[in-house]
């Protein structure tokens, strides 16, 4: 009895189907760390010259993500006040609401406020900065103060 062959010439059932790209070598799904996809999408929005449609974000991310996953991530960024959208063609184009530097600064302030004594956290932070960063910080405080 002969085995049926696939168009590649290999016998059907003679080798397993390749693993889905979202599955690691051990068979477990490749999962991003919490917030990693949002960070990747924000990085794309920051680097784009114009608002991006979900399919453009999906293409630039690669990795076989479903368009619905990308769309959900974009909506979450909107809910957090990090992105907005405007009509574009038959869909929506998404853009970041603030610059990457502004976003990082807001996160830094939030970290300082997490400490039991934010003044001590800030002093400790400033003392651990390399000399060049300390100079930039002093200059920024002189300009803003």
Protein backbone atom coordinates (compact mmCIF):
# COMPACT_ATOMS: atom_id res chain seq x y z
CA UNK A 1 0.00 0.00 0.00
CA UNK A 2 1.55 3.34 -1.01
CA UNK A 3 1.37 6.46 1.11
CA UNK A 4 -0.29 9.59 -0.23
CA UNK A 5 2.26 12.35 -0.90
CA UNK A 6 2.00 16.05 -0.29
CA UNK A 7 2.91 18.54 -3.05
CA UNK A 8 6.44 18.73 -1.60
CA UNK A 9 7.01 15.08 -2.34
CA UNK A 10 7.07 14.06 1.34
CA UNK A 11 4.70 11.42 2.56
CA UNK A 12 1.69 12.85 4.34
CA UNK A 13 2.16 12.31 8.04
CA UNK A 14 5.87 11.53 7.67
CA UNK A 15 6.97 14.66 9.52
CA UNK A 16 5.22 16.95 11.95
CA UNK A 17 3.93 20.34 10.88
CA UNK A 18 6.26 23.18 11.79
CA UNK A 19 5.54 24.89 15.08
CA UNK A 20 3.55 28.10 15.00
CA UNK A 21 5.91 31.11 15.25
CA UNK A 22 4.35 32.02 18.59
CA UNK A 23 5.42 28.67 20.07
CA UNK A 24 8.85 28.29 21.63
CA UNK A 25 11.12 25.29 21.02
CA UNK A 26 9.85 23.64 24.20
CA UNK A 27 6.27 23.76 22.95
CA UNK A 28 5.16 26.55 25.30
CA UNK A 29 3.73 29.74 23.78
CA UNK A 30 6.17 32.64 23.42
CA UNK A 31 4.63 35.26 25.68
CA UNK A 32 5.74 38.82 25.96
CA UNK A 33 6.39 40.25 29.38
CA UNK A 34 3.56 42.33 30.77
CA UNK A 35 3.41 45.65 28.95
CA UNK A 36 6.04 44.68 26.37
CA UNK A 37 3.64 44.76 23.40
CA UNK A 38 2.35 48.19 24.46
CA UNK A 39 5.95 49.45 24.65
CA UNK A 40 6.73 48.04 21.21
CA UNK A 41 3.62 49.65 19.73
CA UNK A 42 4.40 53.00 21.40
CA UNK A 43 7.95 52.84 19.99
CA UNK A 44 6.47 52.35 16.51
CA UNK A 45 4.06 55.26 16.95
CA UNK A 46 6.91 57.49 18.16
CA UNK A 47 9.10 56.59 15.19
CA UNK A 48 6.37 57.00 12.56
CA UNK A 49 6.13 60.14 10.42
CA UNK A 50 2.33 59.85 10.26
CA UNK A 51 -0.46 58.11 12.17
CA UNK A 52 -0.39 54.35 11.65
CA UNK A 53 -3.30 52.08 10.87
CA UNK A 54 -3.52 48.79 12.82
CA UNK A 55 -2.40 46.70 9.84
CA UNK A 56 0.70 48.90 9.48
CA UNK A 57 1.56 48.40 13.14
CA UNK A 58 0.98 44.66 12.71
CA UNK A 59 3.31 44.51 9.69
CA UNK A 60 6.05 46.50 11.41
CA UNK A 61 5.89 44.37 14.55
CA UNK A 62 6.19 41.11 12.62
CA UNK A 63 5.97 37.92 14.63
CA UNK A 64 2.57 36.76 13.43
CA UNK A 65 0.38 38.82 15.76
CA UNK A 66 -3.31 38.87 14.93
CA UNK A 67 -4.62 42.23 13.76
CA UNK A 68 -7.23 42.05 16.53
CA UNK A 69 -4.41 41.83 19.10
CA UNK A 70 -2.79 44.93 17.63
CA UNK A 71 -6.13 46.78 17.51
CA UNK A 72 -6.83 45.89 21.16
CA UNK A 73 -3.37 47.12 22.16
CA UNK A 74 -3.96 50.42 20.35
CA UNK A 75 -7.31 50.85 22.11
CA UNK A 76 -5.65 50.17 25.48
CA UNK A 77 -3.06 52.85 24.73
CA UNK A 78 -5.94 55.24 23.99
CA UNK A 79 -7.68 54.28 27.25
CA UNK A 80 -4.44 55.09 29.13
CA UNK A 81 -4.19 58.48 27.42
CA UNK A 82 -1.02 57.52 25.55
CA UNK A 83 -2.43 57.50 22.00
CA UNK A 84 -5.30 58.86 19.99
CA UNK A 85 -6.80 58.13 16.62
CA UNK A 86 -8.26 60.01 13.70
CA UNK A 87 -10.21 58.81 10.67
CA UNK A 88 -7.91 57.72 7.89
CA UNK A 89 -9.30 56.10 4.77
CA UNK A 90 -11.74 53.37 5.77
CA UNK A 91 -10.27 53.06 9.26
CA UNK A 92 -8.30 54.97 11.86
CA UNK A 93 -4.71 56.13 12.09
CA UNK A 94 -3.12 56.06 15.55
CA UNK A 95 -0.45 58.37 16.96
CA UNK A 96 1.24 58.82 20.32
CA UNK A 97 -0.08 61.75 22.34
CA UNK A 98 3.27 62.74 23.80
CA UNK A 99 6.92 62.35 22.91
CA UNK A 100 8.97 59.42 24.16
CA UNK A 101 10.96 61.80 26.39
CA UNK A 102 7.80 63.16 27.99
CA UNK A 103 6.52 59.64 28.59
CA UNK A 104 9.81 58.61 30.24
CA UNK A 105 9.76 61.72 32.45
CA UNK A 106 6.21 60.95 33.64
CA UNK A 107 7.30 57.40 34.50
CA UNK A 108 10.33 58.73 36.41
CA UNK A 109 8.16 61.06 38.47
CA UNK A 110 5.81 58.18 39.27
CA UNK A 111 8.76 56.08 40.46
CA UNK A 112 10.04 58.88 42.70
CA UNK A 113 6.58 59.23 44.24
CA UNK A 114 6.41 55.51 45.00
CA UNK A 115 9.04 55.79 47.71
CA UNK A 116 8.11 56.29 51.34
CA UNK A 117 10.06 59.56 51.25
CA UNK A 118 10.15 60.94 47.68
CA UNK A 119 12.72 63.61 48.62
CA UNK A 120 15.18 60.91 49.73
CA UNK A 121 14.47 58.86 46.60
CA UNK A 122 15.20 61.88 44.43
CA UNK A 123 18.43 62.69 46.32
CA UNK A 124 19.56 59.08 46.00
CA UNK A 125 18.70 59.05 42.30
CA UNK A 126 20.59 62.28 41.64
CA UNK A 127 23.66 61.05 43.55
CA UNK A 128 23.81 57.90 41.43
CA UNK A 129 23.72 59.74 38.12
CA UNK A 130 26.94 59.94 36.13
CA UNK A 131 28.58 63.39 36.24
CA UNK A 132 27.35 64.30 32.75
CA UNK A 133 23.74 63.57 33.65
CA UNK A 134 24.11 65.51 36.91
CA UNK A 135 25.28 68.51 34.86
CA UNK A 136 22.27 68.20 32.54
CA UNK A 137 19.95 67.93 35.55
CA UNK A 138 21.46 71.05 37.16
CA UNK A 139 21.09 72.94 33.87
CA UNK A 140 17.47 71.83 33.51
CA UNK A 141 16.68 72.92 37.07
CA UNK A 142 18.32 76.30 36.47
CA UNK A 143 16.26 76.85 33.32
CA UNK A 144 12.96 75.71 34.86
CA UNK A 145 13.49 77.26 38.29
